[in-house]
């Protein structure tokens, strides 16, 4: 499912226009991204948690040459599914 299909599904389920559904979805995604970017954790009970996670520096390999390279520490976005979401997918 892509964003357009998600907007269509939200509009149908909430009985609102596609324009309103798109605006709500876009605002939600932007707010979550801004919060995680600033280091906050966003928890949607039953759905999951979005959070920034530190990835430690490590040694990698150049796949073409096999030479060792240093990969620096970085922060990446992460999502952990909530219990209700996990249970729905498992069925």
PDB file of N, CA and C in Angstrom:
ATOM      1  N   UNK A   1       0.855  -1.172   0.000  1.00  0.00           N
ATOM      2  CA  UNK A   1       0.000   0.000   0.000  1.00  0.00           C
ATOM      3  C   UNK A   1       0.900   1.234   0.000  1.00  0.00           C
ATOM      4  N   UNK A   2       0.641   2.144  -0.916  1.00  0.00           N
ATOM      5  CA  UNK A   2       1.415   3.386  -0.933  1.00  0.00           C
ATOM      6  C   UNK A   2       0.615   4.511  -0.259  1.00  0.00           C
ATOM      7  N   UNK A   3       1.186   5.706  -0.219  1.00  0.00           N
ATOM      8  CA  UNK A   3       0.532   6.807   0.497  1.00  0.00           C
ATOM      9  C   UNK A   3      -0.833   7.146  -0.111  1.00  0.00           C
ATOM     10  N   UNK A   4      -0.936   7.148  -1.431  1.00  0.00           N
ATOM     11  CA  UNK A   4      -2.212   7.449  -2.078  1.00  0.00           C
ATOM     12  C   UNK A   4      -3.296   6.459  -1.699  1.00  0.00           C
ATOM     13  N   UNK A   5      -2.945   5.177  -1.674  1.00  0.00           N
ATOM     14  CA  UNK A   5      -3.908   4.145  -1.291  1.00  0.00           C
ATOM     15  C   UNK A   5      -4.281   4.267   0.183  1.00  0.00           C
ATOM     16  N   UNK A   6      -3.303   4.646   1.016  1.00  0.00           N
ATOM     17  CA  UNK A   6      -3.580   4.848   2.435  1.00  0.00           C
ATOM     18  C   UNK A   6      -4.524   6.025   2.632  1.00  0.00           C
ATOM     19  N   UNK A   7      -4.308   7.100   1.900  1.00  0.00           N
ATOM     20  CA  UNK A   7      -5.198   8.268   1.980  1.00  0.00           C
ATOM     21  C   UNK A   7      -6.620   7.865   1.581  1.00  0.00           C
ATOM     22  N   UNK A   8      -6.743   7.088   0.508  1.00  0.00           N
ATOM     23  CA  UNK A   8      -8.065   6.623   0.065  1.00  0.00           C
ATOM     24  C   UNK A   8      -8.748   5.795   1.153  1.00  0.00           C
ATOM     25  N   UNK A   9      -8.001   4.896   1.787  1.00  0.00           N
ATOM     26  CA  UNK A   9      -8.561   4.038   2.832  1.00  0.00           C
ATOM     27  C   UNK A   9      -8.983   4.850   4.052  1.00  0.00           C
ATOM     28  N   UNK A  10      -8.155   5.821   4.439  1.00  0.00           N
ATOM     29  CA  UNK A  10      -8.493   6.678   5.581  1.00  0.00           C
ATOM     30  C   UNK A  10      -9.746   7.488   5.278  1.00  0.00           C
ATOM     31  N   UNK A  11      -9.822   8.060   4.070  1.00  0.00           N
ATOM     32  CA  UNK A  11     -10.983   8.868   3.684  1.00  0.00           C
ATOM     33  C   UNK A  11     -12.265   8.030   3.732  1.00  0.00           C
ATOM     34  N   UNK A  12     -12.188   6.803   3.242  1.00  0.00           N
ATOM     35  CA  UNK A  12     -13.359   5.936   3.244  1.00  0.00           C
ATOM     36  C   UNK A  12     -13.760   5.528   4.659  1.00  0.00           C
ATOM     37  N   UNK A  13     -12.782   5.162   5.469  1.00  0.00           N
ATOM     38  CA  UNK A  13     -13.071   4.681   6.828  1.00  0.00           C
ATOM     39  C   UNK A  13     -13.595   5.797   7.730  1.00  0.00           C
ATOM     40  N   UNK A  14     -13.020   7.010   7.603  1.00  0.00           N
ATOM     41  CA  UNK A  14     -13.412   8.130   8.454  1.00  0.00           C
ATOM     42  C   UNK A  14     -14.537   8.971   7.839  1.00  0.00           C
ATOM     43  N   UNK A  15     -14.927   8.605   6.615  1.00  0.00           N
ATOM     44  CA  UNK A  15     -15.976   9.333   5.899  1.00  0.00           C
ATOM     45  C   UNK A  15     -15.656  10.822   5.791  1.00  0.00           C
ATOM     46  N   UNK A  16     -14.437  11.114   5.324  1.00  0.00           N
ATOM     47  CA  UNK A  16     -13.993  12.483   5.084  1.00  0.00           C
ATOM     48  C   UNK A  16     -13.460  12.565   3.659  1.00  0.00           C
ATOM     49  N   UNK A  17     -13.201  13.777   3.199  1.00  0.00           N
ATOM     50  CA  UNK A  17     -12.689  13.926   1.839  1.00  0.00           C
ATOM     51  C   UNK A  17     -11.248  13.433   1.752  1.00  0.00           C
ATOM     52  N   UNK A  18     -10.835  13.081   0.542  1.00  0.00           N
ATOM     53  CA  UNK A  18      -9.458  12.635   0.337  1.00  0.00           C
ATOM     54  C   UNK A  18      -8.483  13.766   0.645  1.00  0.00           C
ATOM     55  N   UNK A  19      -8.875  14.992   0.342  1.00  0.00           N
ATOM     56  CA  UNK A  19      -8.023  16.155   0.612  1.00  0.00           C
ATOM     57  C   UNK A  19      -7.777  16.285   2.115  1.00  0.00           C
ATOM     58  N   UNK A  20      -8.842  16.139   2.914  1.00  0.00           N
ATOM     59  CA  UNK A  20      -8.699  16.222   4.376  1.00  0.00           C
ATOM     60  C   UNK A  20      -7.866  15.056   4.907  1.00  0.00           C
ATOM     61  N   UNK A  21      -8.106  13.859   4.380  1.00  0.00           N
ATOM     62  CA  UNK A  21      -7.360  12.679   4.821  1.00  0.00           C
ATOM     63  C   UNK A  21      -5.876  12.846   4.511  1.00  0.00           C
ATOM     64  N   UNK A  22      -5.566  13.383   3.326  1.00  0.00           N
ATOM     65  CA  UNK A  22      -4.165  13.615   2.951  1.00  0.00           C
ATOM     66  C   UNK A  22      -3.526  14.640   3.883  1.00  0.00           C
ATOM     67  N   UNK A  23      -4.246  15.707   4.195  1.00  0.00           N
ATOM     68  CA  UNK A  23      -3.705  16.736   5.085  1.00  0.00           C
ATOM     69  C   UNK A  23      -3.444  16.178   6.483  1.00  0.00           C
ATOM     70  N   UNK A  24      -4.350  15.350   6.969  1.00  0.00           N
ATOM     71  CA  UNK A  24      -4.195  14.759   8.305  1.00  0.00           C
ATOM     72  C   UNK A  24      -3.022  13.780   8.318  1.00  0.00           C
ATOM     73  N   UNK A  25      -2.935  12.927   7.308  1.00  0.00           N
ATOM     74  CA  UNK A  25      -1.845  11.954   7.246  1.00  0.00           C
ATOM     75  C   UNK A  25      -0.496  12.657   7.133  1.00  0.00           C
ATOM     76  N   UNK A  26      -0.415  13.665   6.280  1.00  0.00           N
ATOM     77  CA  UNK A  26       0.831  14.408   6.096  1.00  0.00           C
ATOM     78  C   UNK A  26       1.241  15.101   7.395  1.00  0.00           C
ATOM     79  N   UNK A  27       0.285  15.734   8.070  1.00  0.00           N
ATOM     80  CA  UNK A  27       0.582  16.413   9.332  1.00  0.00           C
ATOM     81  C   UNK A  27       1.048  15.420  10.393  1.00  0.00           C
ATOM     82  N   UNK A  28       0.416  14.250  10.426  1.00  0.00           N
ATOM     83  CA  UNK A  28       0.798  13.216  11.391  1.00  0.00           C
ATOM     84  C   UNK A  28       2.227  12.738  11.140  1.00  0.00           C
ATOM     85  N   UNK A  29       2.537  12.431   9.889  1.00  0.00           N
ATOM     86  CA  UNK A  29       3.880  11.945   9.558  1.00  0.00           C
ATOM     87  C   UNK A  29       4.932  13.016   9.851  1.00  0.00           C
ATOM     88  N   UNK A  30       4.657  14.267   9.488  1.00  0.00           N
ATOM     89  CA  UNK A  30       5.613  15.344   9.737  1.00  0.00           C
ATOM     90  C   UNK A  30       5.844  15.547  11.227  1.00  0.00           C
ATOM     91  N   UNK A  31       4.778  15.472  12.020  1.00  0.00           N
ATOM     92  CA  UNK A  31       4.901  15.647  13.470  1.00  0.00           C
ATOM     93  C   UNK A  31       5.729  14.529  14.087  1.00  0.00           C
ATOM     94  N   UNK A  32       5.499  13.297  13.662  1.00  0.00           N
ATOM     95  CA  UNK A  32       6.277  12.159  14.170  1.00  0.00           C
ATOM     96  C   UNK A  32       7.742  12.324  13.776  1.00  0.00           C
ATOM     97  N   UNK A  33       8.020  12.685  12.524  1.00  0.00           N
ATOM     98  CA  UNK A  33       9.402  12.849  12.074  1.00  0.00           C
ATOM     99  C   UNK A  33      10.104  13.978  12.835  1.00  0.00           C
ATOM    100  N   UNK A  34       9.410  15.087  13.065  1.00  0.00           N
ATOM    101  CA  UNK A  34      10.006  16.201  13.816  1.00  0.00           C
ATOM    102  C   UNK A  34      10.321  15.791  15.249  1.00  0.00           C
ATOM    103  N   UNK A  35       9.412  15.051  15.884  1.00  0.00           N
ATOM    104  CA  UNK A  35       9.624  14.622  17.268  1.00  0.00           C
ATOM    105  C   UNK A  35      10.815  13.672  17.367  1.00  0.00           C
ATOM    106  N   UNK A  36      10.887  12.685  16.474  1.00  0.00           N
ATOM    107  CA  UNK A  36      11.986  11.712  16.507  1.00  0.00           C
ATOM    108  C   UNK A  36      13.304  12.408  16.174  1.00  0.00           C
ATOM    109  N   UNK A  37      13.269  13.349  15.232  1.00  0.00           N
ATOM    110  CA  UNK A  37      14.472  14.095  14.864  1.00  0.00           C
ATOM    111  C   UNK A  37      15.019  14.879  16.052  1.00  0.00           C
ATOM    112  N   UNK A  38      14.120  15.394  16.887  1.00  0.00           N
ATOM    113  CA  UNK A  38      14.568  16.165  18.051  1.00  0.00           C
ATOM    114  C   UNK A  38      14.934  15.270  19.237  1.00  0.00           C
ATOM    115  N   UNK A  39      14.863  13.952  19.059  1.00  0.00           N
ATOM    116  CA  UNK A  39      15.294  13.022  20.100  1.00  0.00           C
ATOM    117  C   UNK A  39      14.178  12.472  20.965  1.00  0.00           C
ATOM    118  N   UNK A  40      12.932  12.829  20.665  1.00  0.00           N
ATOM    119  CA  UNK A  40      11.795  12.348  21.451  1.00  0.00           C
ATOM    120  C   UNK A  40      11.313  10.987  20.957  1.00  0.00           C
ATOM    121  N   UNK A  41      10.602  10.293  21.826  1.00  0.00           N
ATOM    122  CA  UNK A  41       9.979   9.018  21.505  1.00  0.00           C
ATOM    123  C   UNK A  41       8.490   9.282  21.307  1.00  0.00           C
ATOM    124  N   UNK A  42       7.888   8.715  20.259  1.00  0.00           N
ATOM    125  CA  UNK A  42       6.459   8.870  19.999  1.00  0.00           C
ATOM    126  C   UNK A  42       5.814   7.504  20.173  1.00  0.00           C
ATOM    127  N   UNK A  43       4.918   7.385  21.158  1.00  0.00           N
ATOM    128  CA  UNK A  43       4.256   6.116  21.433  1.00  0.00           C
ATOM    129  C   UNK A  43       2.778   6.221  21.102  1.00  0.00           C
ATOM    130  N   UNK A  44       2.308   5.343  20.234  1.00  0.00           N
ATOM    131  CA  UNK A  44       0.896   5.236  19.900  1.00  0.00           C
ATOM    132  C   UNK A  44       0.443   3.888  20.456  1.00  0.00           C
ATOM    133  N   UNK A  45      -0.232   3.920  21.593  1.00  0.00           N
ATOM    134  CA  UNK A  45      -0.594   2.704  22.314  1.00  0.00           C
ATOM    135  C   UNK A  45      -1.362   1.755  21.393  1.00  0.00           C
ATOM    136  N   UNK A  46      -0.922   0.510  21.358  1.00  0.00           N
ATOM    137  CA  UNK A  46      -1.537  -0.514  20.530  1.00  0.00           C
ATOM    138  C   UNK A  46      -0.937  -0.585  19.135  1.00  0.00           C
ATOM    139  N   UNK A  47      -0.370   0.519  18.650  1.00  0.00           N
ATOM    140  CA  UNK A  47       0.219   0.541  17.307  1.00  0.00           C
ATOM    141  C   UNK A  47       1.718   0.338  17.372  1.00  0.00           C
ATOM    142  N   UNK A  48       2.406   1.215  18.114  1.00  0.00           N
ATOM    143  CA  UNK A  48       3.851   1.066  18.215  1.00  0.00           C
ATOM    144  C   UNK A  48       4.539   2.329  18.666  1.00  0.00           C
ATOM    145  N   UNK A  49       5.871   2.274  18.669  1.00  0.00           N
ATOM    146  CA  UNK A  49       6.698   3.373  19.137  1.00  0.00           C
ATOM    147  C   UNK A  49       7.733   3.728  18.081  1.00  0.00           C
ATOM    148  N   UNK A  50       7.833   5.021  17.810  1.00  0.00           N
ATOM    149  CA  UNK A  50       8.866   5.558  16.928  1.00  0.00           C
ATOM    150  C   UNK A  50       9.900   6.210  17.825  1.00  0.00           C
ATOM    151  N   UNK A  51      11.187   5.938  17.594  1.00  0.00           N
ATOM    152  CA  UNK A  51      12.220   6.526  18.438  1.00  0.00           C
ATOM    153  C   UNK A  51      13.550   6.596  17.691  1.00  0.00           C
ATOM    154  N   UNK A  52      14.410   7.518  18.133  1.00  0.00           N
ATOM    155  CA  UNK A  52      15.756   7.546  17.565  1.00  0.00           C
ATOM    156  C   UNK A  52      16.624   6.520  18.295  1.00  0.00           C
ATOM    157  N   UNK A  53      17.475   5.823  17.564  1.00  0.00           N
ATOM    158  CA  UNK A  53      18.393   4.860  18.184  1.00  0.00           C
ATOM    159  C   UNK A  53      19.803   5.140  17.699  1.00  0.00           C
ATOM    160  N   UNK A  54      20.747   5.029  18.627  1.00  0.00           N
ATOM    161  CA  UNK A  54      22.159   5.208  18.291  1.00  0.00           C
ATOM    162  C   UNK A  54      22.689   3.915  17.700  1.00  0.00           C
ATOM    163  N   UNK A  55      23.423   4.044  16.632  1.00  0.00           N
ATOM    164  CA  UNK A  55      24.103   2.896  16.026  1.00  0.00           C
ATOM    165  C   UNK A  55      25.593   3.135  16.254  1.00  0.00           C
ATOM    166  N   UNK A  56      26.248   2.234  16.942  1.00  0.00           N
ATOM    167  CA  UNK A  56      27.653   2.385  17.308  1.00  0.00           C
ATOM    168  C   UNK A  56      28.558   2.364  16.082  1.00  0.00           C
ATOM    169  N   UNK A  57      29.716   2.980  16.242  1.00  0.00           N
ATOM    170  CA  UNK A  57      30.729   2.923  15.178  1.00  0.00           C
ATOM    171  C   UNK A  57      31.174   1.481  15.024  1.00  0.00           C
ATOM    172  N   UNK A  58      31.485   1.104  13.801  1.00  0.00           N
ATOM    173  CA  UNK A  58      31.888  -0.284  13.569  1.00  0.00           C
ATOM    174  C   UNK A  58      32.768  -0.351  12.328  1.00  0.00           C
ATOM    175  N   UNK A  59      33.368  -1.500  12.152  1.00  0.00           N
ATOM    176  CA  UNK A  59      34.213  -1.715  10.984  1.00  0.00           C
ATOM    177  C   UNK A  59      33.403  -2.465   9.938  1.00  0.00           C
ATOM    178  N   UNK A  60      33.471  -1.999   8.711  1.00  0.00           N
ATOM    179  CA  UNK A  60      32.787  -2.656   7.610  1.00  0.00           C
ATOM    180  C   UNK A  60      33.776  -3.044   6.530  1.00  0.00           C
ATOM    181  N   UNK A  61      33.279  -3.575   5.460  1.00  0.00           N
ATOM    182  CA  UNK A  61      34.124  -3.987   4.333  1.00  0.00           C
ATOM    183  C   UNK A  61      33.590  -3.376   3.051  1.00  0.00           C
ATOM    184  N   UNK A  62      34.513  -2.903   2.214  1.00  0.00           N
ATOM    185  CA  UNK A  62      34.158  -2.447   0.885  1.00  0.00           C
ATOM    186  C   UNK A  62      33.876  -3.714   0.076  1.00  0.00           C
ATOM    187  N   UNK A  63      32.652  -3.885  -0.453  1.00  0.00           N
ATOM    188  CA  UNK A  63      32.329  -5.133  -1.145  1.00  0.00           C
ATOM    189  C   UNK A  63      33.129  -5.357  -2.432  1.00  0.00           C
ATOM    190  N   UNK A  64      33.620  -4.283  -3.032  1.00  0.00           N
ATOM    191  CA  UNK A  64      34.381  -4.452  -4.273  1.00  0.00           C
ATOM    192  C   UNK A  64      35.823  -4.859  -4.019  1.00  0.00           C
ATOM    193  N   UNK A  65      36.435  -4.235  -2.996  1.00  0.00           N
ATOM    194  CA  UNK A  65      37.860  -4.490  -2.749  1.00  0.00           C
ATOM    195  C   UNK A  65      38.116  -5.370  -1.540  1.00  0.00           C
ATOM    196  N   UNK A  66      37.147  -5.464  -0.643  1.00  0.00           N
ATOM    197  CA  UNK A  66      37.352  -6.225   0.582  1.00  0.00           C
ATOM    198  C   UNK A  66      38.119  -5.454   1.634  1.00  0.00           C
ATOM    199  N   UNK A  67      38.463  -4.190   1.327  1.00  0.00           N
ATOM    200  CA  UNK A  67      39.226  -3.370   2.275  1.00  0.00           C
ATOM    201  C   UNK A  67      38.354  -2.976   3.463  1.00  0.00           C
ATOM    202  N   UNK A  68      38.979  -2.952   4.638  1.00  0.00           N
ATOM    203  CA  UNK A  68      38.274  -2.547   5.854  1.00  0.00           C
ATOM    204  C   UNK A  68      38.033  -1.044   5.830  1.00  0.00           C
ATOM    205  N   UNK A  69      36.822  -0.636   6.247  1.00  0.00           N
ATOM    206  CA  UNK A  69      36.502   0.782   6.367  1.00  0.00           C
ATOM    207  C   UNK A  69      35.837   1.029   7.710  1.00  0.00           C
ATOM    208  N   UNK A  70      35.985   2.220   8.223  1.00  0.00           N
ATOM    209  CA  UNK A  70      35.339   2.581   9.479  1.00  0.00           C
ATOM    210  C   UNK A  70      33.990   3.220   9.184  1.00  0.00           C
ATOM    211  N   UNK A  71      32.951   2.705   9.797  1.00  0.00           N
ATOM    212  CA  UNK A  71      31.614   3.264   9.668  1.00  0.00           C
ATOM    213  C   UNK A  71      31.361   4.058  10.949  1.00  0.00           C
ATOM    214  N   UNK A  72      31.116   5.372  10.848  1.00  0.00           N
ATOM    215  CA  UNK A  72      30.974   6.189  12.050  1.00  0.00           C
ATOM    216  C   UNK A  72      29.667   5.933  12.799  1.00  0.00           C
ATOM    217  N   UNK A  73      29.640   6.340  14.075  1.00  0.00           N
ATOM    218  CA  UNK A  73      28.428   6.265  14.880  1.00  0.00           C
ATOM    219  C   UNK A  73      27.377   7.161  14.243  1.00  0.00           C
ATOM    220  N   UNK A  74      26.129   6.730  14.322  1.00  0.00           N
ATOM    221  CA  UNK A  74      25.043   7.528  13.766  1.00  0.00           C
ATOM    222  C   UNK A  74      23.764   7.278  14.548  1.00  0.00           C
ATOM    223  N   UNK A  75      22.788   8.132  14.343  1.00  0.00           N
ATOM    224  CA  UNK A  75      21.470   7.959  14.934  1.00  0.00           C
ATOM    225  C   UNK A  75      20.492   7.652  13.809  1.00  0.00           C
ATOM    226  N   UNK A  76      19.680   6.614  14.011  1.00  0.00           N
ATOM    227  CA  UNK A  76      18.732   6.189  12.984  1.00  0.00           C
ATOM    228  C   UNK A  76      17.327   6.138  13.568  1.00  0.00           C
ATOM    229  N   UNK A  77      16.296   6.324  12.741  1.00  0.00           N
ATOM    230  CA  UNK A  77      14.929   6.173  13.234  1.00  0.00           C
ATOM    231  C   UNK A  77      14.598   4.689  13.381  1.00  0.00           C
ATOM    232  N   UNK A  78      13.786   4.372  14.391  1.00  0.00           N
ATOM    233  CA  UNK A  78      13.403   2.979  14.613  1.00  0.00           C
ATOM    234  C   UNK A  78      11.929   2.905  14.978  1.00  0.00           C
ATOM    235  N   UNK A  79      11.307   1.781  14.645  1.00  0.00           N
ATOM    236  CA  UNK A  79       9.912   1.543  14.975  1.00  0.00           C
ATOM    237  C   UNK A  79       9.798   0.197  15.652  1.00  0.00           C
ATOM    238  N   UNK A  80       9.087   0.165  16.778  1.00  0.00           N
ATOM    239  CA  UNK A  80       8.793  -1.090  17.466  1.00  0.00           C
ATOM    240  C   UNK A  80       7.282  -1.253  17.476  1.00  0.00           C
ATOM    241  N   UNK A  81       6.798  -2.346  16.921  1.00  0.00           N
ATOM    242  CA  UNK A  81       5.359  -2.583  16.873  1.00  0.00           C
ATOM    243  C   UNK A  81       4.809  -2.842  18.266  1.00  0.00           C
ATOM    244  N   UNK A  82       3.601  -2.351  18.524  1.00  0.00           N
ATOM    245  CA  UNK A  82       2.923  -2.571  19.797  1.00  0.00           C
ATOM    246  C   UNK A  82       2.302  -3.949  19.868  1.00  0.00           C
ATOM    247  N   UNK A  83       1.891  -4.332  21.048  1.00  0.00           N
ATOM    248  CA  UNK A  83       1.348  -5.666  21.286  1.00  0.00           C
ATOM    249  C   UNK A  83       0.127  -5.953  20.415  1.00  0.00           C
ATOM    250  N   UNK A  84      -0.815  -5.011  20.359  1.00  0.00           N
ATOM    251  CA  UNK A  84      -2.043  -5.218  19.563  1.00  0.00           C
ATOM    252  C   UNK A  84      -1.716  -5.381  18.081  1.00  0.00           C
ATOM    253  N   UNK A  85      -0.795  -4.570  17.578  1.00  0.00           N
ATOM    254  CA  UNK A  85      -0.375  -4.643  16.172  1.00  0.00           C
ATOM    255  C   UNK A  85       0.272  -6.002  15.892  1.00  0.00           C
ATOM    256  N   UNK A  86       1.149  -6.443  16.768  1.00  0.00           N
ATOM    257  CA  UNK A  86       1.817  -7.742  16.596  1.00  0.00           C
ATOM    258  C   UNK A  86       0.800  -8.880  16.574  1.00  0.00           C
ATOM    259  N   UNK A  87      -0.172  -8.806  17.480  1.00  0.00           N
ATOM    260  CA  UNK A  87      -1.184  -9.859  17.553  1.00  0.00           C
ATOM    261  C   UNK A  87      -2.042  -9.897  16.298  1.00  0.00           C
ATOM    262  N   UNK A  88      -2.406  -8.731  15.753  1.00  0.00           N
ATOM    263  CA  UNK A  88      -3.218  -8.681  14.538  1.00  0.00           C
ATOM    264  C   UNK A  88      -2.462  -9.285  13.359  1.00  0.00           C
ATOM    265  N   UNK A  89      -1.171  -8.987  13.248  1.00  0.00           N
ATOM    266  CA  UNK A  89      -0.373  -9.493  12.130  1.00  0.00           C
ATOM    267  C   UNK A  89      -0.171 -11.007  12.271  1.00  0.00           C
ATOM    268  N   UNK A  90      -0.039 -11.489  13.491  1.00  0.00           N
ATOM    269  CA  UNK A  90       0.208 -12.919  13.727  1.00  0.00           C
ATOM    270  C   UNK A  90      -0.981 -13.798  13.381  1.00  0.00           C
ATOM    271  N   UNK A  91      -2.180 -13.222  13.360  1.00  0.00           N
ATOM    272  CA  UNK A  91      -3.392 -14.034  13.078  1.00  0.00           C
ATOM    273  C   UNK A  91      -3.488 -14.400  11.630  1.00  0.00           C
TER     274      UNK A  91
END
